């Protein structure tokens, strides 16, 4: 779609280039929280132990997403001015 409509973009595979904890907090803040950022219908989420599916703090969310970046709902679109949408 981006190519077809001539929209310039840079693709980043965040499984290989894991975002920093600060970036994850920023993304979550802009999309409505970590619950909105995470794909809870994914195979990865379903295979997590129950105690990992209820992070009780921002630190636990950051750790979970650093360990399992594939949990981030895709695509994450970040504009040049830092605005995030999914």
N, C-alpha and C. Protein backbone atom coordinates (compact mmCIF):
# COMPACT_ATOMS: atom_id res chain seq x y z
N UNK A 1 0.83 -1.17 0.00
CA UNK A 1 0.00 0.00 0.00
C UNK A 1 0.87 1.24 0.00
N UNK A 2 1.88 1.27 0.86
CA UNK A 2 2.76 2.43 0.92
C UNK A 2 3.48 2.65 -0.40
N UNK A 3 4.01 1.56 -0.96
CA UNK A 3 4.67 1.67 -2.26
C UNK A 3 3.70 2.14 -3.35
N UNK A 4 2.53 1.55 -3.36
CA UNK A 4 1.54 1.85 -4.40
C UNK A 4 1.15 3.32 -4.39
N UNK A 5 1.08 3.92 -3.17
CA UNK A 5 0.67 5.32 -3.07
C UNK A 5 1.84 6.27 -2.91
N UNK A 6 3.06 5.76 -3.11
CA UNK A 6 4.23 6.62 -3.10
C UNK A 6 4.58 7.21 -1.74
N UNK A 7 4.26 6.49 -0.70
CA UNK A 7 4.58 6.97 0.65
C UNK A 7 5.96 6.45 1.03
N UNK A 8 6.84 7.37 1.36
CA UNK A 8 8.20 6.98 1.78
C UNK A 8 8.13 6.36 3.18
N UNK A 9 8.89 5.30 3.38
CA UNK A 9 8.90 4.65 4.68
C UNK A 9 10.20 3.91 4.88
N UNK A 10 10.42 3.53 6.12
CA UNK A 10 11.58 2.71 6.47
C UNK A 10 11.05 1.55 7.29
N UNK A 11 11.25 0.33 6.79
CA UNK A 11 10.78 -0.86 7.49
C UNK A 11 11.81 -1.28 8.52
N UNK A 12 11.34 -1.51 9.75
CA UNK A 12 12.21 -2.00 10.82
C UNK A 12 11.56 -3.25 11.40
N UNK A 13 12.28 -4.36 11.35
CA UNK A 13 11.79 -5.59 11.97
C UNK A 13 12.19 -5.55 13.43
N UNK A 14 11.25 -5.24 14.30
CA UNK A 14 11.62 -5.06 15.71
C UNK A 14 11.78 -6.37 16.45
N UNK A 15 11.67 -7.48 15.76
CA UNK A 15 12.10 -8.75 16.37
C UNK A 15 13.63 -8.81 16.36
N UNK A 16 14.21 -8.31 15.27
CA UNK A 16 15.67 -8.30 15.14
C UNK A 16 16.28 -7.06 15.79
N UNK A 17 15.58 -5.94 15.71
CA UNK A 17 16.05 -4.67 16.27
C UNK A 17 15.10 -4.27 17.39
N UNK A 18 15.25 -4.93 18.52
CA UNK A 18 14.32 -4.73 19.64
C UNK A 18 14.30 -3.28 20.09
N UNK A 19 13.09 -2.74 20.25
CA UNK A 19 12.99 -1.36 20.73
C UNK A 19 13.44 -1.25 22.18
N UNK A 20 13.90 -0.08 22.54
CA UNK A 20 14.34 0.15 23.91
C UNK A 20 13.14 0.14 24.85
N UNK A 21 13.37 -0.07 26.13
CA UNK A 21 12.26 0.00 27.09
C UNK A 21 11.54 1.35 27.03
N UNK A 22 12.29 2.42 26.83
CA UNK A 22 11.67 3.74 26.75
C UNK A 22 10.76 3.85 25.53
N UNK A 23 11.19 3.25 24.42
CA UNK A 23 10.37 3.25 23.21
C UNK A 23 9.08 2.48 23.43
N UNK A 24 9.17 1.33 24.09
CA UNK A 24 7.97 0.54 24.38
C UNK A 24 6.98 1.31 25.25
N UNK A 25 7.49 2.02 26.24
CA UNK A 25 6.63 2.83 27.11
C UNK A 25 5.97 3.93 26.29
N UNK A 26 6.74 4.58 25.41
CA UNK A 26 6.20 5.63 24.55
C UNK A 26 5.10 5.08 23.64
N UNK A 27 5.40 3.97 22.96
CA UNK A 27 4.39 3.36 22.09
C UNK A 27 3.12 3.02 22.87
N UNK A 28 3.28 2.38 24.02
CA UNK A 28 2.11 2.00 24.82
C UNK A 28 1.31 3.24 25.23
N UNK A 29 2.00 4.29 25.61
CA UNK A 29 1.32 5.51 26.01
C UNK A 29 0.51 6.12 24.88
N UNK A 30 1.01 6.00 23.68
CA UNK A 30 0.32 6.61 22.54
C UNK A 30 -0.82 5.77 21.99
N UNK A 31 -0.80 4.46 22.23
CA UNK A 31 -1.86 3.62 21.66
C UNK A 31 -2.90 3.21 22.70
N UNK A 32 -2.77 3.68 23.93
CA UNK A 32 -3.79 3.37 24.94
C UNK A 32 -3.35 2.38 26.00
N UNK A 33 -2.06 2.18 26.15
CA UNK A 33 -1.56 1.29 27.19
C UNK A 33 -0.98 0.00 26.64
N UNK A 34 -0.34 -0.73 27.53
CA UNK A 34 0.29 -1.99 27.11
C UNK A 34 -0.75 -3.01 26.66
N UNK A 35 -1.93 -3.00 27.26
CA UNK A 35 -2.96 -3.95 26.83
C UNK A 35 -3.33 -3.73 25.36
N UNK A 36 -3.32 -2.48 24.91
CA UNK A 36 -3.64 -2.18 23.51
C UNK A 36 -2.45 -2.49 22.59
N UNK A 37 -1.25 -2.42 23.12
CA UNK A 37 -0.05 -2.65 22.32
C UNK A 37 0.20 -4.13 22.05
N UNK A 38 -0.29 -4.99 22.94
CA UNK A 38 0.00 -6.42 22.86
C UNK A 38 -1.09 -7.17 22.13
N UNK A 39 -0.67 -8.10 21.26
CA UNK A 39 -1.58 -8.96 20.53
C UNK A 39 -1.88 -10.19 21.38
N UNK A 40 -3.00 -10.14 22.09
CA UNK A 40 -3.36 -11.22 23.00
C UNK A 40 -4.02 -12.41 22.31
N UNK A 41 -4.16 -12.33 21.00
CA UNK A 41 -4.69 -13.49 20.29
C UNK A 41 -3.57 -14.28 19.60
N UNK A 42 -2.33 -13.85 19.81
CA UNK A 42 -1.20 -14.51 19.17
C UNK A 42 -0.87 -15.85 19.83
N UNK A 43 -0.23 -16.70 19.07
CA UNK A 43 0.23 -17.98 19.59
C UNK A 43 1.20 -17.78 20.75
N UNK A 44 2.08 -16.79 20.60
CA UNK A 44 3.06 -16.52 21.66
C UNK A 44 2.35 -16.19 22.97
N UNK A 45 1.34 -15.33 22.91
CA UNK A 45 0.61 -14.96 24.12
C UNK A 45 -0.08 -16.19 24.72
N UNK A 46 -0.72 -16.97 23.91
CA UNK A 46 -1.45 -18.14 24.41
C UNK A 46 -0.52 -19.15 25.05
N UNK A 47 0.74 -19.20 24.60
CA UNK A 47 1.69 -20.17 25.15
C UNK A 47 2.40 -19.67 26.41
N UNK A 48 2.20 -18.40 26.76
CA UNK A 48 2.83 -17.90 27.98
C UNK A 48 2.19 -18.52 29.21
N UNK A 49 2.96 -18.75 30.27
CA UNK A 49 2.36 -19.20 31.52
C UNK A 49 1.40 -18.11 32.05
N UNK A 50 0.38 -18.52 32.73
CA UNK A 50 -0.64 -17.58 33.22
C UNK A 50 -0.04 -16.44 34.04
N UNK A 51 1.00 -16.72 34.82
CA UNK A 51 1.56 -15.67 35.66
C UNK A 51 2.27 -14.58 34.84
N UNK A 52 2.63 -14.87 33.59
CA UNK A 52 3.26 -13.86 32.72
C UNK A 52 2.23 -13.03 31.96
N UNK A 53 0.97 -13.50 31.96
CA UNK A 53 -0.07 -12.81 31.21
C UNK A 53 -0.72 -11.67 31.98
N UNK A 54 -0.27 -11.43 33.18
CA UNK A 54 -0.85 -10.36 33.99
C UNK A 54 0.25 -9.51 34.61
N UNK A 55 1.06 -8.85 33.76
CA UNK A 55 2.11 -8.00 34.32
C UNK A 55 1.51 -6.93 35.23
N UNK A 56 2.09 -6.80 36.39
CA UNK A 56 1.53 -5.88 37.38
C UNK A 56 2.19 -4.52 37.39
N UNK A 57 3.19 -4.32 36.54
CA UNK A 57 3.88 -3.04 36.54
C UNK A 57 4.43 -2.75 35.16
N UNK A 58 4.80 -1.51 34.96
CA UNK A 58 5.42 -1.12 33.70
C UNK A 58 6.72 -1.90 33.47
N UNK A 59 7.47 -2.11 34.54
CA UNK A 59 8.74 -2.85 34.42
C UNK A 59 8.50 -4.28 33.94
N UNK A 60 7.44 -4.92 34.43
CA UNK A 60 7.12 -6.29 34.00
C UNK A 60 6.70 -6.31 32.54
N UNK A 61 5.93 -5.31 32.11
CA UNK A 61 5.53 -5.23 30.70
C UNK A 61 6.76 -5.07 29.82
N UNK A 62 7.66 -4.16 30.21
CA UNK A 62 8.87 -3.93 29.41
C UNK A 62 9.70 -5.20 29.30
N UNK A 63 9.85 -5.91 30.39
CA UNK A 63 10.61 -7.16 30.38
C UNK A 63 9.94 -8.18 29.46
N UNK A 64 8.64 -8.33 29.57
CA UNK A 64 7.90 -9.28 28.74
C UNK A 64 8.08 -8.96 27.26
N UNK A 65 7.98 -7.69 26.90
CA UNK A 65 8.09 -7.31 25.49
C UNK A 65 9.53 -7.35 24.99
N UNK A 66 10.48 -7.18 25.85
CA UNK A 66 11.88 -7.34 25.43
C UNK A 66 12.17 -8.82 25.18
N UNK A 67 11.58 -9.69 26.00
CA UNK A 67 11.78 -11.14 25.83
C UNK A 67 10.99 -11.67 24.64
N UNK A 68 9.84 -11.10 24.38
CA UNK A 68 8.94 -11.58 23.32
C UNK A 68 8.45 -10.41 22.46
N UNK A 69 9.34 -9.81 21.66
CA UNK A 69 8.91 -8.66 20.86
C UNK A 69 7.79 -8.98 19.88
N UNK A 70 7.63 -10.26 19.54
CA UNK A 70 6.56 -10.64 18.62
C UNK A 70 5.17 -10.43 19.23
N UNK A 71 5.10 -10.13 20.51
CA UNK A 71 3.81 -9.84 21.14
C UNK A 71 3.26 -8.48 20.74
N UNK A 72 4.11 -7.60 20.25
CA UNK A 72 3.64 -6.27 19.86
C UNK A 72 2.74 -6.40 18.64
N UNK A 73 1.56 -5.83 18.77
CA UNK A 73 0.58 -5.86 17.68
C UNK A 73 1.15 -5.10 16.49
N UNK A 74 1.11 -5.72 15.32
CA UNK A 74 1.67 -5.12 14.12
C UNK A 74 0.57 -4.73 13.14
N UNK A 75 0.83 -3.74 12.34
CA UNK A 75 2.04 -2.94 12.24
C UNK A 75 2.02 -1.80 13.26
N UNK A 76 3.18 -1.35 13.63
CA UNK A 76 3.34 -0.13 14.41
C UNK A 76 3.86 0.91 13.44
N UNK A 77 3.12 1.98 13.30
CA UNK A 77 3.51 3.04 12.39
C UNK A 77 3.96 4.23 13.22
N UNK A 78 5.19 4.67 12.98
CA UNK A 78 5.75 5.81 13.70
C UNK A 78 6.09 6.87 12.66
N UNK A 79 5.44 8.01 12.75
CA UNK A 79 5.71 9.09 11.79
C UNK A 79 7.01 9.79 12.16
N UNK A 80 7.50 10.63 11.26
CA UNK A 80 8.75 11.34 11.50
C UNK A 80 8.72 12.18 12.76
N UNK A 81 7.53 12.68 13.13
CA UNK A 81 7.43 13.49 14.34
C UNK A 81 7.14 12.65 15.59
N UNK A 82 7.22 11.32 15.47
CA UNK A 82 7.12 10.43 16.62
C UNK A 82 5.73 9.97 16.99
N UNK A 83 4.72 10.30 16.19
CA UNK A 83 3.36 9.89 16.47
C UNK A 83 3.21 8.40 16.11
N UNK A 84 2.63 7.63 17.03
CA UNK A 84 2.51 6.17 16.87
C UNK A 84 1.04 5.80 16.64
N UNK A 85 0.84 4.87 15.73
CA UNK A 85 -0.50 4.29 15.53
C UNK A 85 -0.35 2.84 15.16
N UNK A 86 -1.43 2.10 15.31
CA UNK A 86 -1.44 0.68 14.96
C UNK A 86 -2.58 0.39 14.04
